[in-house]
Amino acid sequence: MKRIKPLLPAIGIFCLALLVRVIYNNTVVYNYYPLHDSAFYQAIGFNLLKEHCFCLQSYVPTAYRAPLWPFTIAGISIIFGPSDYFARIFLSLIGSGTCVLVYLFARDLFGWRIGILAGAFAAIYPELYIYDGWLYTESLYIFLLFAICYALYRLLRTSERNWRVWILSGILLGLLSLTRPNGIIVIGLFIVWAIIMAWQKLLSWRVTVKGVLATTLIALVLIAPWIVRNYQVSHAFIPVATGDGTVLLGAYNNMVLTTATYEGGPFGTWINPLLSRPDITRSYPIKTCSAVCEVAREAAYKDAAVRWIRDHIHTMPHLLKLHFINMWQPNTYEADLPIVRFPQLQSTQFVLRMMKTFPNYLFILAAFGFAVTWWRWRELLFIYLMIVFTIAQNIVYYGIPRFRAPIEPMLILLAAGAIWWLTHKEKGTLRWIIDNIRQKDEKVNIEAEIYARIEDCLERGGIGICMQSP
């Protein structure tokens, strides 16, 4: 019982989060079936089983998608059959794990009460659980990224004797890179973080150099087989997946400043190149474009996007500003998102109300938490690096609420820091600062009273009388 008792808060948060996600999957998402990107991931997963080919179309190898999620779908399908429901339940388990990580991280930083509060909020926060009923990579990517953040925080406490954390970090970095192409950049941010921590003497240089080499090597070993596979099918060096060209061409074209992706939506997001640049896209087949074709297509798309940027350089400040603003829209809109596909349900309306309110409060608290916990920047440095990286990425490509998803748990952590600062009495908190001011004021008052008595004694009879006074 003594061993189980410390685990009870984590178990409770996991169960609460899983309950929320199961209810969501059986109400809002009850009639869901994959469309758009989720259908592509599922098709690749099924083709892995039927054709033993990482193919979107039958026997046409693709390098356009990162491999981890399609392979995961294939593994789930082997056990439970070709159904999207069990894949969504798997994502619900992953999302619940993210909530537990939020609890653990907040507990270690701010105490167990704040940890429970942060974990419980993560469990019901809509911008986390909506991705657990949707066959995109968001849930898996969020979990892996936040697990890396927590693992690196633990390294600051156990770096000299716990090589398991370094090894785990390498595995997580490798899996993250195989989930999304931009995940590989996180390896570079990890190296930057490690150098700063060694420079600040929070990690020894000897341990840091060995740990960084081991962690990076493990991550690269996990990625290397996929690099080899991509070269075999595309005859080009592709670390994880292609796709930058499509993203850039959809973000930089004549339509983005005048056309919203959906009715009532913001300008400056992304318009499918098939609509926005048919003059470029018509040269490439939609369904039969092999990996070699994809490499040529993405290069052509990227060149066209760069030319558009050069020709419209005067509009770039405004467009980049829109990219930044759009990523902070409170509610997420995607054509394949269940809350968009089934808006008439009462359960959907309830979730939409949560989505339009919860994020706004979180943003305010997170910004405040960032300000009042800055003096603990060493513990939160990797969180800061990831937030800056995510914002920069959204500005360069385009910003939508879904692209904010990787930093949602980090915003919850900063918001927890704000509540800790307001309610606790530890070093650096508001009450600690007030008590210090009071103590200083009391000390000043006592000193002033002593000086006043001494002056009074001197006026009444000199130093002799003062020495005799109690």
Protein backbone atom coordinates (compact mmCIF):
# COMPACT_ATOMS: atom_id res chain seq x y z
CA MET A 1 0.00 0.00 0.00
CA LYS A 2 2.88 2.38 0.80
CA ARG A 3 4.26 1.86 -2.70
CA ILE A 4 0.91 2.48 -4.38
CA LYS A 5 -0.03 5.60 -2.39
CA PRO A 6 2.45 7.98 -4.15
CA LEU A 7 1.10 6.77 -7.51
CA LEU A 8 -2.55 7.48 -6.70
CA PRO A 9 -2.59 11.09 -8.03
CA ALA A 10 -1.04 9.99 -11.34
CA ILE A 11 -3.46 7.07 -11.60
CA GLY A 12 -6.41 9.34 -10.82
CA ILE A 13 -5.40 11.90 -13.46
CA PHE A 14 -4.86 9.17 -16.04
CA CYS A 15 -8.30 7.71 -15.34
CA LEU A 16 -9.98 11.13 -15.49
CA ALA A 17 -8.25 11.97 -18.77
CA LEU A 18 -9.09 8.59 -20.27
CA LEU A 19 -12.74 8.93 -19.20
CA VAL A 20 -13.00 12.34 -20.89
CA ARG A 21 -11.45 10.96 -24.08
CA VAL A 22 -13.56 7.83 -24.20
CA ILE A 23 -16.72 9.91 -23.73
CA TYR A 24 -15.56 12.25 -26.49
CA ASN A 25 -14.86 9.34 -28.83
CA ASN A 26 -18.27 7.82 -28.18
CA THR A 27 -20.29 11.02 -28.50
CA VAL A 28 -18.84 13.70 -30.78
CA VAL A 29 -16.73 11.20 -32.73
CA TYR A 30 -19.25 8.35 -32.76
CA ASN A 31 -19.91 8.51 -36.54
CA TYR A 32 -16.40 9.50 -37.51
CA TYR A 33 -14.48 7.93 -40.37
CA PRO A 34 -11.13 9.20 -41.70
CA LEU A 35 -10.92 11.85 -44.42
CA HIS A 36 -8.08 13.99 -45.77
CA ASP A 37 -4.73 13.43 -44.00
CA SER A 38 -6.18 10.93 -41.53
CA ALA A 39 -7.40 8.81 -44.45
CA PHE A 40 -3.91 8.99 -45.96
CA TYR A 41 -2.28 7.75 -42.75
CA GLN A 42 -4.81 4.94 -42.48
CA ALA A 43 -4.41 3.95 -46.14
CA ILE A 44 -0.64 3.70 -45.74
CA GLY A 45 -1.09 1.63 -42.58
CA PHE A 46 -3.47 -0.76 -44.32
CA ASN A 47 -1.19 -1.02 -47.37
CA LEU A 48 1.66 -1.99 -45.07
CA LEU A 49 -0.41 -5.02 -44.09
CA LYS A 50 -1.95 -5.91 -47.45
CA GLU A 51 0.87 -5.04 -49.85
CA HIS A 52 3.90 -4.80 -47.52
CA CYS A 53 4.48 -1.41 -49.08
CA PHE A 54 4.67 2.07 -47.55
CA CYS A 55 2.29 3.30 -50.23
CA LEU A 56 -0.59 5.74 -50.33
CA GLN A 57 -1.80 4.30 -53.63
CA SER A 58 -1.43 0.60 -54.40
CA TYR A 59 2.19 -0.31 -55.03
CA VAL A 60 3.29 3.32 -55.47
CA PRO A 61 5.93 3.96 -52.77
CA THR A 62 5.69 7.34 -51.06
CA ALA A 63 8.12 9.45 -49.05
CA TYR A 64 5.55 12.16 -48.34
CA ARG A 65 4.55 10.97 -44.85
CA ALA A 66 6.57 10.27 -41.72
CA PRO A 67 6.47 6.55 -40.89
CA LEU A 68 5.76 6.14 -37.16
CA TRP A 69 2.01 6.80 -37.15
CA PRO A 70 1.16 4.66 -40.24
CA PHE A 71 3.23 1.82 -38.78
CA THR A 72 1.39 2.25 -35.46
CA ILE A 73 -1.97 2.07 -37.26
CA ALA A 74 -0.78 -1.11 -38.98
CA GLY A 75 0.24 -2.65 -35.65
CA ILE A 76 -3.12 -1.81 -34.05
CA SER A 77 -4.92 -3.25 -37.08
CA ILE A 78 -3.04 -6.55 -36.74
CA ILE A 79 -4.43 -6.96 -33.22
CA PHE A 80 -7.91 -5.45 -33.49
CA GLY A 81 -8.64 -5.45 -37.19
CA PRO A 82 -8.89 -2.57 -39.69
CA SER A 83 -10.94 -0.14 -37.62
CA ASP A 84 -10.24 3.51 -36.85
CA TYR A 85 -11.98 3.19 -33.44
CA PHE A 86 -9.18 1.26 -31.78
CA ALA A 87 -6.60 3.63 -33.22
CA ARG A 88 -8.52 6.48 -31.59
CA ILE A 89 -8.64 4.61 -28.28
CA PHE A 90 -4.86 4.18 -28.57
CA LEU A 91 -4.55 7.94 -29.04
CA SER A 92 -6.77 8.41 -25.98
CA LEU A 93 -4.29 6.36 -23.95
CA ILE A 94 -1.44 8.44 -25.35
CA GLY A 95 -3.28 11.67 -24.56
CA SER A 96 -3.97 10.49 -21.02
CA GLY A 97 -0.26 9.81 -20.67
CA THR A 98 0.43 13.41 -21.65
CA CYS A 99 -1.83 14.57 -18.80
CA VAL A 100 0.14 12.41 -16.36
CA LEU A 101 3.37 13.99 -17.61
CA VAL A 102 1.86 17.44 -17.00
CA TYR A 103 1.09 16.39 -13.42
CA LEU A 104 4.59 14.98 -12.84
CA PHE A 105 6.35 18.01 -14.30
CA ALA A 106 4.20 20.53 -12.39
CA ARG A 107 4.55 18.48 -9.18
CA ASP A 108 8.33 18.46 -9.40
CA LEU A 109 8.46 22.18 -10.11
CA PHE A 110 5.68 23.60 -7.95
CA GLY A 111 4.52 20.92 -5.49
CA TRP A 112 1.96 18.13 -5.56
CA ARG A 113 -1.13 20.36 -5.14
CA ILE A 114 -0.28 22.44 -8.19
CA GLY A 115 0.68 19.23 -9.98
CA ILE A 116 -2.76 17.72 -9.43
CA LEU A 117 -4.44 20.96 -10.52
CA ALA A 118 -2.35 21.12 -13.71
CA GLY A 119 -2.91 17.44 -14.51
CA ALA A 120 -6.66 17.69 -13.95
CA PHE A 121 -6.87 20.78 -16.16
CA ALA A 122 -4.91 19.00 -18.90
CA ALA A 123 -7.37 16.10 -18.65
CA ILE A 124 -10.36 18.32 -19.48
CA TYR A 125 -8.61 20.89 -21.69
CA PRO A 126 -10.38 20.62 -25.08
CA GLU A 127 -7.37 21.56 -27.24
CA LEU A 128 -5.70 18.38 -26.02
CA TYR A 129 -8.47 15.79 -26.11
CA ILE A 130 -9.91 16.78 -29.51
CA TYR A 131 -6.80 15.32 -31.15
CA ASP A 132 -7.39 11.98 -29.43
CA GLY A 133 -10.42 11.35 -31.61
CA TRP A 134 -8.69 12.15 -34.87
CA LEU A 135 -6.22 10.07 -36.85
CA TYR A 136 -3.63 12.81 -37.25
CA THR A 137 -0.16 12.80 -35.65
CA GLU A 138 -0.89 15.54 -33.10
CA SER A 139 -1.51 13.32 -30.04
CA LEU A 140 1.55 11.17 -30.59
CA TYR A 141 3.79 14.15 -31.33
CA ILE A 142 2.56 16.10 -28.28
CA PHE A 143 3.21 13.15 -25.98
CA LEU A 144 6.71 12.42 -27.31
CA LEU A 145 7.76 16.07 -27.26
CA PHE A 146 6.55 16.72 -23.73
CA ALA A 147 8.12 13.45 -22.57
CA ILE A 148 11.44 14.76 -23.91
CA CYS A 149 10.93 18.02 -22.00
CA TYR A 150 10.32 16.14 -18.77
CA ALA A 151 13.21 13.74 -19.36
CA LEU A 152 15.63 16.63 -19.83
CA TYR A 153 14.34 18.28 -16.66
CA ARG A 154 15.02 15.03 -14.81
CA LEU A 155 18.55 15.02 -16.22
CA LEU A 156 19.29 18.18 -14.25
CA ARG A 157 18.56 16.22 -11.07
CA THR A 158 20.16 12.87 -11.87
CA SER A 159 22.72 13.54 -14.59
CA GLU A 160 25.73 12.15 -12.76
CA ARG A 161 24.31 8.71 -12.06
CA ASN A 162 21.29 8.03 -14.27
CA TRP A 163 22.31 7.12 -17.81
CA ARG A 164 18.90 5.60 -18.38
CA VAL A 165 17.47 9.09 -18.80
CA TRP A 166 20.04 9.95 -21.48
CA ILE A 167 19.21 6.72 -23.30
CA LEU A 168 15.47 7.34 -22.97
CA SER A 169 15.96 10.84 -24.34
CA GLY A 170 17.67 9.41 -27.41
CA ILE A 171 14.83 6.95 -28.01
CA LEU A 172 12.22 9.70 -27.62
CA LEU A 173 14.10 12.04 -29.98
CA GLY A 174 14.31 9.29 -32.58
CA LEU A 175 10.60 8.46 -32.33
CA LEU A 176 9.69 12.15 -32.42
CA SER A 177 11.67 12.59 -35.63
CA LEU A 178 9.85 9.64 -37.20
CA THR A 179 6.49 11.16 -36.25
CA ARG A 180 6.93 14.49 -38.05
CA PRO A 181 9.73 15.78 -40.31
CA ASN A 182 10.30 18.84 -38.13
CA GLY A 183 10.94 16.58 -35.15
CA ILE A 184 14.52 16.11 -36.30
CA ILE A 185 15.23 19.79 -35.56
CA VAL A 186 14.51 19.07 -31.89
CA ILE A 187 17.74 17.05 -31.80
CA GLY A 188 19.61 20.27 -32.55
CA LEU A 189 17.69 22.13 -29.84
CA PHE A 190 18.57 19.35 -27.41
CA ILE A 191 22.28 19.85 -28.16
CA VAL A 192 21.93 23.63 -27.65
CA TRP A 193 20.15 23.01 -24.33
CA ALA A 194 22.86 20.61 -23.14
CA ILE A 195 25.66 23.08 -23.96
CA ILE A 196 23.90 25.89 -22.06
CA MET A 197 23.30 23.63 -19.05
CA ALA A 198 26.97 22.65 -18.99
CA TRP A 199 27.99 26.29 -19.36
CA GLN A 200 25.74 27.14 -16.40
CA LYS A 201 27.43 24.28 -14.47
CA LEU A 202 24.16 22.43 -13.95
CA LEU A 203 25.68 19.53 -15.87
CA SER A 204 29.35 18.61 -15.87
CA TRP A 205 31.10 18.92 -19.23
CA ARG A 206 32.30 15.33 -19.04
CA VAL A 207 28.82 13.93 -18.50
CA THR A 208 27.30 16.34 -21.02
CA VAL A 209 29.65 15.42 -23.86
CA LYS A 210 29.17 11.69 -23.29
CA GLY A 211 25.42 12.06 -22.82
CA VAL A 212 24.91 14.21 -25.93
CA LEU A 213 26.94 11.82 -28.07
CA ALA A 214 25.06 8.78 -26.77
CA THR A 215 21.63 10.41 -27.04
CA THR A 216 22.22 11.76 -30.54
CA LEU A 217 23.66 8.46 -31.71
CA ILE A 218 20.63 6.54 -30.45
CA ALA A 219 18.27 8.97 -32.20
CA LEU A 220 20.20 8.73 -35.47
CA VAL A 221 20.31 4.94 -35.28
CA LEU A 222 16.50 4.93 -35.10
CA ILE A 223 16.19 7.34 -38.02
CA ALA A 224 18.91 5.82 -40.24
CA PRO A 225 16.93 2.84 -41.59
CA TRP A 226 14.21 5.19 -42.80
CA ILE A 227 16.79 7.44 -44.50
CA VAL A 228 18.14 4.38 -46.34
CA ARG A 229 14.62 3.31 -47.35
CA ASN A 230 13.78 6.79 -48.63
CA TYR A 231 16.96 6.88 -50.70
CA GLN A 232 16.14 3.53 -52.23
CA VAL A 233 12.69 4.64 -53.40
CA SER A 234 13.44 8.29 -54.24
CA HIS A 235 17.17 8.40 -55.08
CA ALA A 236 17.44 11.47 -52.85
CA PHE A 237 18.47 12.21 -49.27
CA ILE A 238 15.22 12.51 -47.30
CA PRO A 239 15.72 12.25 -43.51
CA VAL A 240 12.05 11.63 -42.75
CA ALA A 241 9.57 12.88 -45.35
CA THR A 242 9.03 15.37 -48.13
CA GLY A 243 6.29 17.99 -47.98
CA ASP A 244 7.91 21.39 -47.38
CA GLY A 245 7.17 22.47 -50.93
CA THR A 246 3.45 21.77 -50.64
CA VAL A 247 3.25 23.63 -47.35
CA LEU A 248 5.13 26.66 -48.67
CA LEU A 249 3.24 26.87 -51.95
CA GLY A 250 -0.08 26.69 -50.11
CA ALA A 251 1.04 29.44 -47.72
CA TYR A 252 2.55 31.82 -50.26
CA ASN A 253 0.25 32.55 -53.18
CA ASN A 254 -2.14 35.24 -54.40
CA MET A 255 -5.19 33.74 -52.68
CA VAL A 256 -4.03 33.63 -49.06
CA LEU A 257 -4.56 37.35 -48.42
CA THR A 258 -8.05 37.44 -49.93
CA THR A 259 -9.50 33.96 -49.36
CA ALA A 260 -10.16 32.15 -46.09
CA THR A 261 -9.76 28.40 -45.84
CA TYR A 262 -13.33 28.19 -44.54
CA GLU A 263 -16.27 30.58 -44.32
CA GLY A 264 -15.70 33.16 -41.65
CA GLY A 265 -12.13 32.00 -41.10
CA PRO A 266 -9.02 34.19 -40.97
CA PHE A 267 -6.95 35.20 -43.96
CA GLY A 268 -3.29 34.31 -44.31
CA THR A 269 -3.43 30.58 -43.59
CA TRP A 270 -3.11 27.89 -46.30
CA ILE A 271 -4.88 27.32 -49.59
CA ASN A 272 -4.43 23.96 -51.31
CA PRO A 273 -1.98 24.43 -54.21
CA LEU A 274 -4.41 22.53 -56.45
CA LEU A 275 -6.67 25.59 -56.08
CA SER A 276 -4.19 28.39 -55.52
CA ARG A 277 -1.48 27.42 -58.05
CA PRO A 278 -2.92 25.09 -60.70
CA ASP A 279 -0.31 26.41 -63.13
CA ILE A 280 2.34 24.64 -61.03
CA THR A 281 0.45 21.58 -59.79
CA ARG A 282 -0.94 20.41 -63.13
CA SER A 283 2.49 19.10 -64.09
CA TYR A 284 2.36 16.39 -61.45
CA PRO A 285 -0.13 13.50 -61.13
CA ILE A 286 -2.24 13.36 -57.99
CA LYS A 287 -2.60 9.62 -57.43
CA THR A 288 0.35 8.06 -59.24
CA CYS A 289 3.17 10.36 -58.12
CA SER A 290 5.93 8.01 -56.89
CA ALA A 291 8.65 8.97 -54.40
CA VAL A 292 10.89 10.16 -57.25
CA CYS A 293 8.02 12.25 -58.57
CA GLU A 294 7.35 13.63 -55.07
CA VAL A 295 10.94 14.87 -54.75
CA ALA A 296 10.72 16.72 -58.08
CA ARG A 297 7.26 18.07 -57.23
CA GLU A 298 8.28 19.41 -53.81
CA ALA A 299 11.36 21.09 -55.28
CA ALA A 300 9.24 22.78 -57.96
CA TYR A 301 6.65 23.86 -55.39
CA LYS A 302 9.33 25.29 -53.13
CA ASP A 303 10.93 27.24 -55.99
CA ALA A 304 7.54 28.67 -56.96
CA ALA A 305 6.85 29.72 -53.37
CA VAL A 306 10.24 31.43 -53.08
CA ARG A 307 9.63 33.30 -56.34
CA TRP A 308 6.25 34.48 -55.04
CA ILE A 309 7.88 35.74 -51.85
CA ARG A 310 10.47 37.69 -53.85
CA ASP A 311 7.79 39.21 -56.06
CA HIS A 312 5.60 40.18 -53.07
CA ILE A 313 8.25 41.16 -50.57
CA HIS A 314 6.30 44.31 -49.60
CA THR A 315 3.35 42.19 -48.39
CA MET A 316 5.49 39.80 -46.34
CA PRO A 317 5.44 41.75 -43.02
CA HIS A 318 1.64 41.74 -43.04
CA LEU A 319 1.42 38.08 -44.03
CA LEU A 320 3.93 36.99 -41.38
CA LYS A 321 2.00 39.00 -38.79
CA LEU A 322 -1.13 37.08 -39.77
CA HIS A 323 0.77 33.81 -39.38
CA PHE A 324 1.62 34.76 -35.80
CA ILE A 325 -1.87 35.99 -34.93
CA ASN A 326 -3.63 32.99 -36.46
CA MET A 327 -1.77 30.45 -34.36
CA TRP A 328 -3.34 32.00 -31.23
CA GLN A 329 -6.94 31.64 -32.38
CA PRO A 330 -8.70 29.88 -29.46
CA ASN A 331 -10.66 27.20 -31.32
CA THR A 332 -9.27 24.75 -33.86
CA TYR A 333 -10.91 24.38 -37.25
CA GLU A 334 -9.96 21.54 -39.61
CA ALA A 335 -12.18 20.05 -42.32
CA ASP A 336 -11.71 16.51 -40.99
CA LEU A 337 -12.03 17.40 -37.29
CA PRO A 338 -15.10 15.65 -35.76
CA ILE A 339 -16.40 18.86 -34.16
CA VAL A 340 -16.45 20.41 -37.64
CA ARG A 341 -18.02 17.41 -39.35
CA PHE A 342 -20.75 16.88 -36.73
CA PRO A 343 -21.60 20.40 -35.51
CA GLN A 344 -25.30 19.67 -34.90
CA LEU A 345 -24.68 17.36 -31.93
CA GLN A 346 -25.27 18.73 -28.43
CA SER A 347 -22.00 17.16 -27.32
CA THR A 348 -20.21 19.01 -30.12
CA GLN A 349 -21.75 22.31 -29.05
CA PHE A 350 -20.55 21.71 -25.49
CA VAL A 351 -17.00 21.04 -26.69
CA LEU A 352 -17.07 24.11 -28.95
CA ARG A 353 -18.03 26.32 -26.01
CA MET A 354 -15.07 24.96 -24.08
CA MET A 355 -12.76 25.52 -27.05
CA LYS A 356 -13.78 29.16 -27.37
CA THR A 357 -13.15 30.00 -23.69
CA PHE A 358 -10.54 27.73 -22.07
CA PRO A 359 -7.59 28.70 -24.31
CA ASN A 360 -8.03 32.44 -23.68
CA TYR A 361 -7.70 32.01 -19.93
CA LEU A 362 -4.78 29.67 -20.44
CA PHE A 363 -2.91 32.16 -22.64
CA ILE A 364 -3.27 34.91 -20.03
CA LEU A 365 -2.13 32.69 -17.17
CA ALA A 366 0.73 31.23 -19.21
CA ALA A 367 2.03 34.69 -20.13
CA PHE A 368 1.83 35.73 -16.49
CA GLY A 369 3.47 32.49 -15.42
CA PHE A 370 6.31 33.05 -17.87
CA ALA A 371 6.97 36.47 -16.32
CA VAL A 372 6.88 35.42 -12.66
CA THR A 373 8.85 32.18 -13.08
CA TRP A 374 11.57 33.61 -15.34
CA TRP A 375 14.07 33.44 -12.46
CA ARG A 376 13.77 29.64 -12.78
CA TRP A 377 14.70 29.75 -16.46
CA ARG A 378 17.35 27.06 -16.15
CA GLU A 379 14.74 24.46 -15.20
CA LEU A 380 12.39 25.63 -17.95
CA LEU A 381 14.92 26.40 -20.70
CA PHE A 382 13.96 23.55 -23.01
CA ILE A 383 10.30 24.53 -22.64
CA TYR A 384 11.23 28.07 -23.72
CA LEU A 385 13.25 26.77 -26.67
CA MET A 386 10.34 24.65 -27.88
CA ILE A 387 7.85 27.52 -27.56
CA VAL A 388 10.13 29.87 -29.51
CA PHE A 389 10.80 27.18 -32.13
CA THR A 390 7.09 26.47 -32.58
CA ILE A 391 6.22 30.16 -32.93
CA ALA A 392 9.06 30.71 -35.42
CA GLN A 393 7.99 27.69 -37.43
CA ASN A 394 4.39 28.94 -37.59
CA ILE A 395 5.55 32.36 -38.73
CA VAL A 396 7.76 30.95 -41.48
CA TYR A 397 5.20 28.45 -42.79
CA TYR A 398 1.74 29.46 -41.62
CA GLY A 399 -0.05 29.63 -38.30
CA ILE A 400 -3.21 27.79 -37.28
CA PRO A 401 -4.35 26.58 -33.84
CA ARG A 402 -3.48 22.97 -34.73
CA PHE A 403 0.15 23.95 -35.19
CA ARG A 404 0.08 25.34 -31.64
CA ALA A 405 -0.80 21.90 -30.31
CA PRO A 406 2.77 20.76 -29.46
CA ILE A 407 3.17 23.55 -26.89
CA GLU A 408 -0.28 23.28 -25.24
CA PRO A 409 1.05 21.16 -22.31
CA MET A 410 3.89 23.67 -21.92
CA LEU A 411 1.42 26.53 -21.68
CA ILE A 412 -0.46 24.59 -19.00
CA LEU A 413 2.83 24.18 -17.12
CA LEU A 414 3.52 27.93 -17.25
CA ALA A 415 -0.05 28.65 -16.14
CA ALA A 416 0.52 26.30 -13.20
CA GLY A 417 3.58 28.40 -12.38
CA ALA A 418 1.39 31.50 -12.23
CA ILE A 419 -1.00 29.86 -9.76
CA TRP A 420 1.95 28.60 -7.69
CA TRP A 421 3.38 32.13 -7.57
CA LEU A 422 0.06 33.56 -6.39
CA THR A 423 -0.82 30.93 -3.79
CA HIS A 424 2.38 29.53 -2.27
CA LYS A 425 4.92 30.88 0.18
CA GLU A 426 8.13 29.42 -1.24
CA LYS A 427 11.12 31.40 -2.43
CA GLY A 428 10.26 33.74 -5.29
CA THR A 429 6.47 33.67 -4.83
CA LEU A 430 4.26 36.69 -4.15
CA ARG A 431 3.72 35.87 -0.46
CA TRP A 432 7.46 35.29 -0.01
CA ILE A 433 8.18 38.71 -1.51
CA ILE A 434 5.54 40.39 0.68
CA ASP A 435 6.90 38.69 3.84
CA ASN A 436 10.42 39.84 2.99
CA ILE A 437 9.20 43.41 2.53
CA ARG A 438 7.37 43.24 5.87
CA GLN A 439 10.43 41.87 7.62
CA LYS A 440 12.55 44.64 6.19
CA ASP A 441 9.97 47.22 7.25
CA GLU A 442 9.87 45.75 10.77
CA LYS A 443 13.66 45.79 10.94
CA VAL A 444 13.72 49.42 9.82
CA ASN A 445 11.07 50.32 12.42
CA ILE A 446 13.02 48.60 15.21
CA GLU A 447 16.23 50.33 14.21
CA ALA A 448 14.42 53.68 14.05
CA GLU A 449 13.00 53.12 17.55
CA ILE A 450 16.45 52.28 18.95
CA TYR A 451 17.98 55.38 17.40
CA ALA A 452 15.11 57.48 18.79
CA ARG A 453 15.69 56.13 22.32
CA ILE A 454 19.42 56.79 22.11
CA GLU A 455 18.80 60.36 20.98
CA ASP A 456 16.32 60.82 23.83
CA CYS A 457 18.82 59.53 26.40
CA LEU A 458 21.56 61.78 25.08
CA GLU A 459 19.27 64.79 25.30
CA ARG A 460 18.26 63.94 28.91
CA GLY A 461 21.62 63.23 30.46
CA GLY A 462 24.37 62.03 28.27
CA ILE A 463 25.88 58.70 27.51
CA GLY A 464 26.03 57.61 31.13
CA ILE A 465 22.28 57.68 31.56
CA CYS A 466 21.83 55.84 28.27
CA MET A 467 24.14 53.06 29.47
CA GLN A 468 22.10 52.67 32.68
CA SER A 469 18.74 52.56 30.86
CA PRO A 470 17.23 49.08 30.22
